[in-house]
Amino acid sequence: MPTSTIRLDEGVREETTRIASEMGLSFNAVMNILARKFNAEKGFPFLVKLETARKTVFDMSSDEFESACQDAVAQREEVSTMDYVTRFDKESGMIAKVYADGRVEYVLS
């Protein structure tokens, strides 16, 4: 069996070894299980994503939401050049202007 070297952050191997031992597994068994699962899934078997700096209405306090609404009203155009409908996007939690030509402009950023 080929030997591989991996670099882990300080304490990771010790903690992994401790937990694996309680389960009756070796550190190498854990690494093999993780690699096989990664291969079977064709990627990580859990969600890996960047945290976004964008807040949604679900993340805001009442005061933050009120302030964001006031900012949006203050920044809007005096005379709209296109017709749009304001909608609440349930998936993103954002308020959006949906224009007749299909463009979507989020009110909160």
Protein backbone atom coordinates (compact mmCIF):
# COMPACT_ATOMS: atom_id res chain seq x y z
CA MET A 1 0.00 0.00 0.00
CA PRO A 2 1.45 3.40 -0.97
CA THR A 3 2.32 5.86 1.76
CA SER A 4 1.16 9.48 1.64
CA THR A 5 2.09 12.45 3.76
CA ILE A 6 -0.49 15.03 4.78
CA ARG A 7 -0.05 18.22 6.75
CA LEU A 8 -2.64 19.02 9.38
CA ASP A 9 -3.13 22.00 11.64
CA GLU A 10 -1.75 21.63 15.15
CA GLY A 11 -3.83 19.32 17.31
CA VAL A 12 -6.02 18.01 14.47
CA ARG A 13 -4.30 14.63 14.24
CA GLU A 14 -4.38 14.14 18.00
CA GLU A 15 -8.10 14.97 18.23
CA THR A 16 -8.91 12.81 15.21
CA THR A 17 -6.90 9.92 16.67
CA ARG A 18 -8.64 10.28 20.05
CA ILE A 19 -12.14 10.28 18.56
CA ALA A 20 -11.31 7.47 16.10
CA SER A 21 -9.91 5.38 18.94
CA GLU A 22 -13.17 5.73 20.88
CA MET A 23 -14.93 4.38 17.77
CA GLY A 24 -12.45 1.51 17.42
CA LEU A 25 -10.81 3.04 14.34
CA SER A 26 -7.30 4.15 13.50
CA PHE A 27 -6.30 7.56 12.15
CA ASN A 28 -5.49 5.90 8.80
CA ALA A 29 -8.94 4.29 8.67
CA VAL A 30 -10.55 7.70 9.18
CA MET A 31 -8.46 9.22 6.36
CA ASN A 32 -9.38 6.32 4.05
CA ILE A 33 -13.09 6.65 4.89
CA LEU A 34 -13.01 10.39 4.22
CA ALA A 35 -11.12 9.96 0.92
CA ARG A 36 -13.47 7.20 -0.26
CA LYS A 37 -16.54 9.28 0.61
CA PHE A 38 -15.03 12.29 -1.19
CA ASN A 39 -14.44 10.12 -4.28
CA ALA A 40 -17.92 8.57 -4.16
CA GLU A 41 -19.58 11.99 -3.87
CA LYS A 42 -17.24 13.54 -6.46
CA GLY A 43 -16.59 16.25 -3.92
CA PHE A 44 -17.14 17.05 -0.30
CA PRO A 45 -19.96 15.09 1.38
CA PHE A 46 -21.03 18.32 3.08
CA LEU A 47 -21.76 21.86 1.93
CA VAL A 48 -18.66 23.98 1.32
CA LYS A 49 -19.37 27.62 0.57
CA LEU A 50 -18.11 31.12 1.11
CA GLU A 51 -19.87 33.11 3.75
CA THR A 52 -21.49 36.10 2.13
CA ALA A 53 -21.29 39.56 3.55
CA ARG A 54 -24.75 40.29 2.13
CA LYS A 55 -27.42 40.39 4.80
CA THR A 56 -30.93 39.29 4.03
CA VAL A 57 -34.05 40.52 5.79
CA PHE A 58 -33.96 37.28 7.80
CA ASP A 59 -30.57 38.28 9.28
CA MET A 60 -31.60 41.83 10.19
CA SER A 61 -32.96 43.22 13.39
CA SER A 62 -36.09 45.38 13.14
CA ASP A 63 -33.97 48.52 13.38
CA GLU A 64 -31.59 47.34 10.64
CA PHE A 65 -34.51 46.47 8.38
CA GLU A 66 -36.16 49.86 8.96
CA SER A 67 -32.87 51.63 8.22
CA ALA A 68 -32.31 49.60 5.03
CA CYS A 69 -35.83 50.45 3.83
CA GLN A 70 -35.28 54.15 4.53
CA ASP A 71 -31.95 54.03 2.63
CA ALA A 72 -33.61 52.30 -0.32
CA VAL A 73 -36.37 54.91 -0.45
CA ALA A 74 -33.81 57.75 -0.23
CA GLN A 75 -31.73 56.27 -3.08
CA ARG A 76 -34.56 55.51 -5.47
CA GLU A 77 -35.02 57.48 -8.64
CA GLU A 78 -37.45 60.38 -8.45
CA VAL A 79 -39.07 59.43 -11.75
CA SER A 80 -38.87 55.80 -12.73
CA THR A 81 -37.73 55.26 -16.31
CA MET A 82 -39.14 51.73 -16.49
CA ASP A 83 -42.12 49.96 -15.04
CA TYR A 84 -41.31 47.49 -12.30
CA VAL A 85 -42.99 45.49 -9.60
CA THR A 86 -41.54 45.26 -6.12
CA ARG A 87 -41.39 41.67 -4.91
CA PHE A 88 -40.13 39.79 -1.89
CA ASP A 89 -37.85 36.95 -3.02
CA LYS A 90 -38.55 34.08 -0.59
CA GLU A 91 -35.39 32.16 -1.56
CA SER A 92 -32.91 34.96 -0.97
CA GLY A 93 -34.90 36.95 1.59
CA MET A 94 -34.28 40.08 -0.48
CA ILE A 95 -36.66 42.75 -1.71
CA ALA A 96 -36.33 43.18 -5.48
CA LYS A 97 -37.54 45.39 -8.28
CA VAL A 98 -38.60 43.15 -11.17
CA TYR A 99 -38.65 45.16 -14.40
CA ALA A 100 -40.88 44.44 -17.39
CA ASP A 101 -37.81 43.51 -19.48
CA GLY A 102 -36.85 40.76 -16.98
CA ARG A 103 -34.12 42.60 -15.09
CA VAL A 104 -34.07 42.17 -11.31
CA GLU A 105 -32.58 44.80 -9.02
CA TYR A 106 -32.26 44.00 -5.34
CA VAL A 107 -33.22 46.85 -3.08
CA LEU A 108 -31.15 45.72 -0.08
CA SER A 109 -27.46 44.99 -0.48
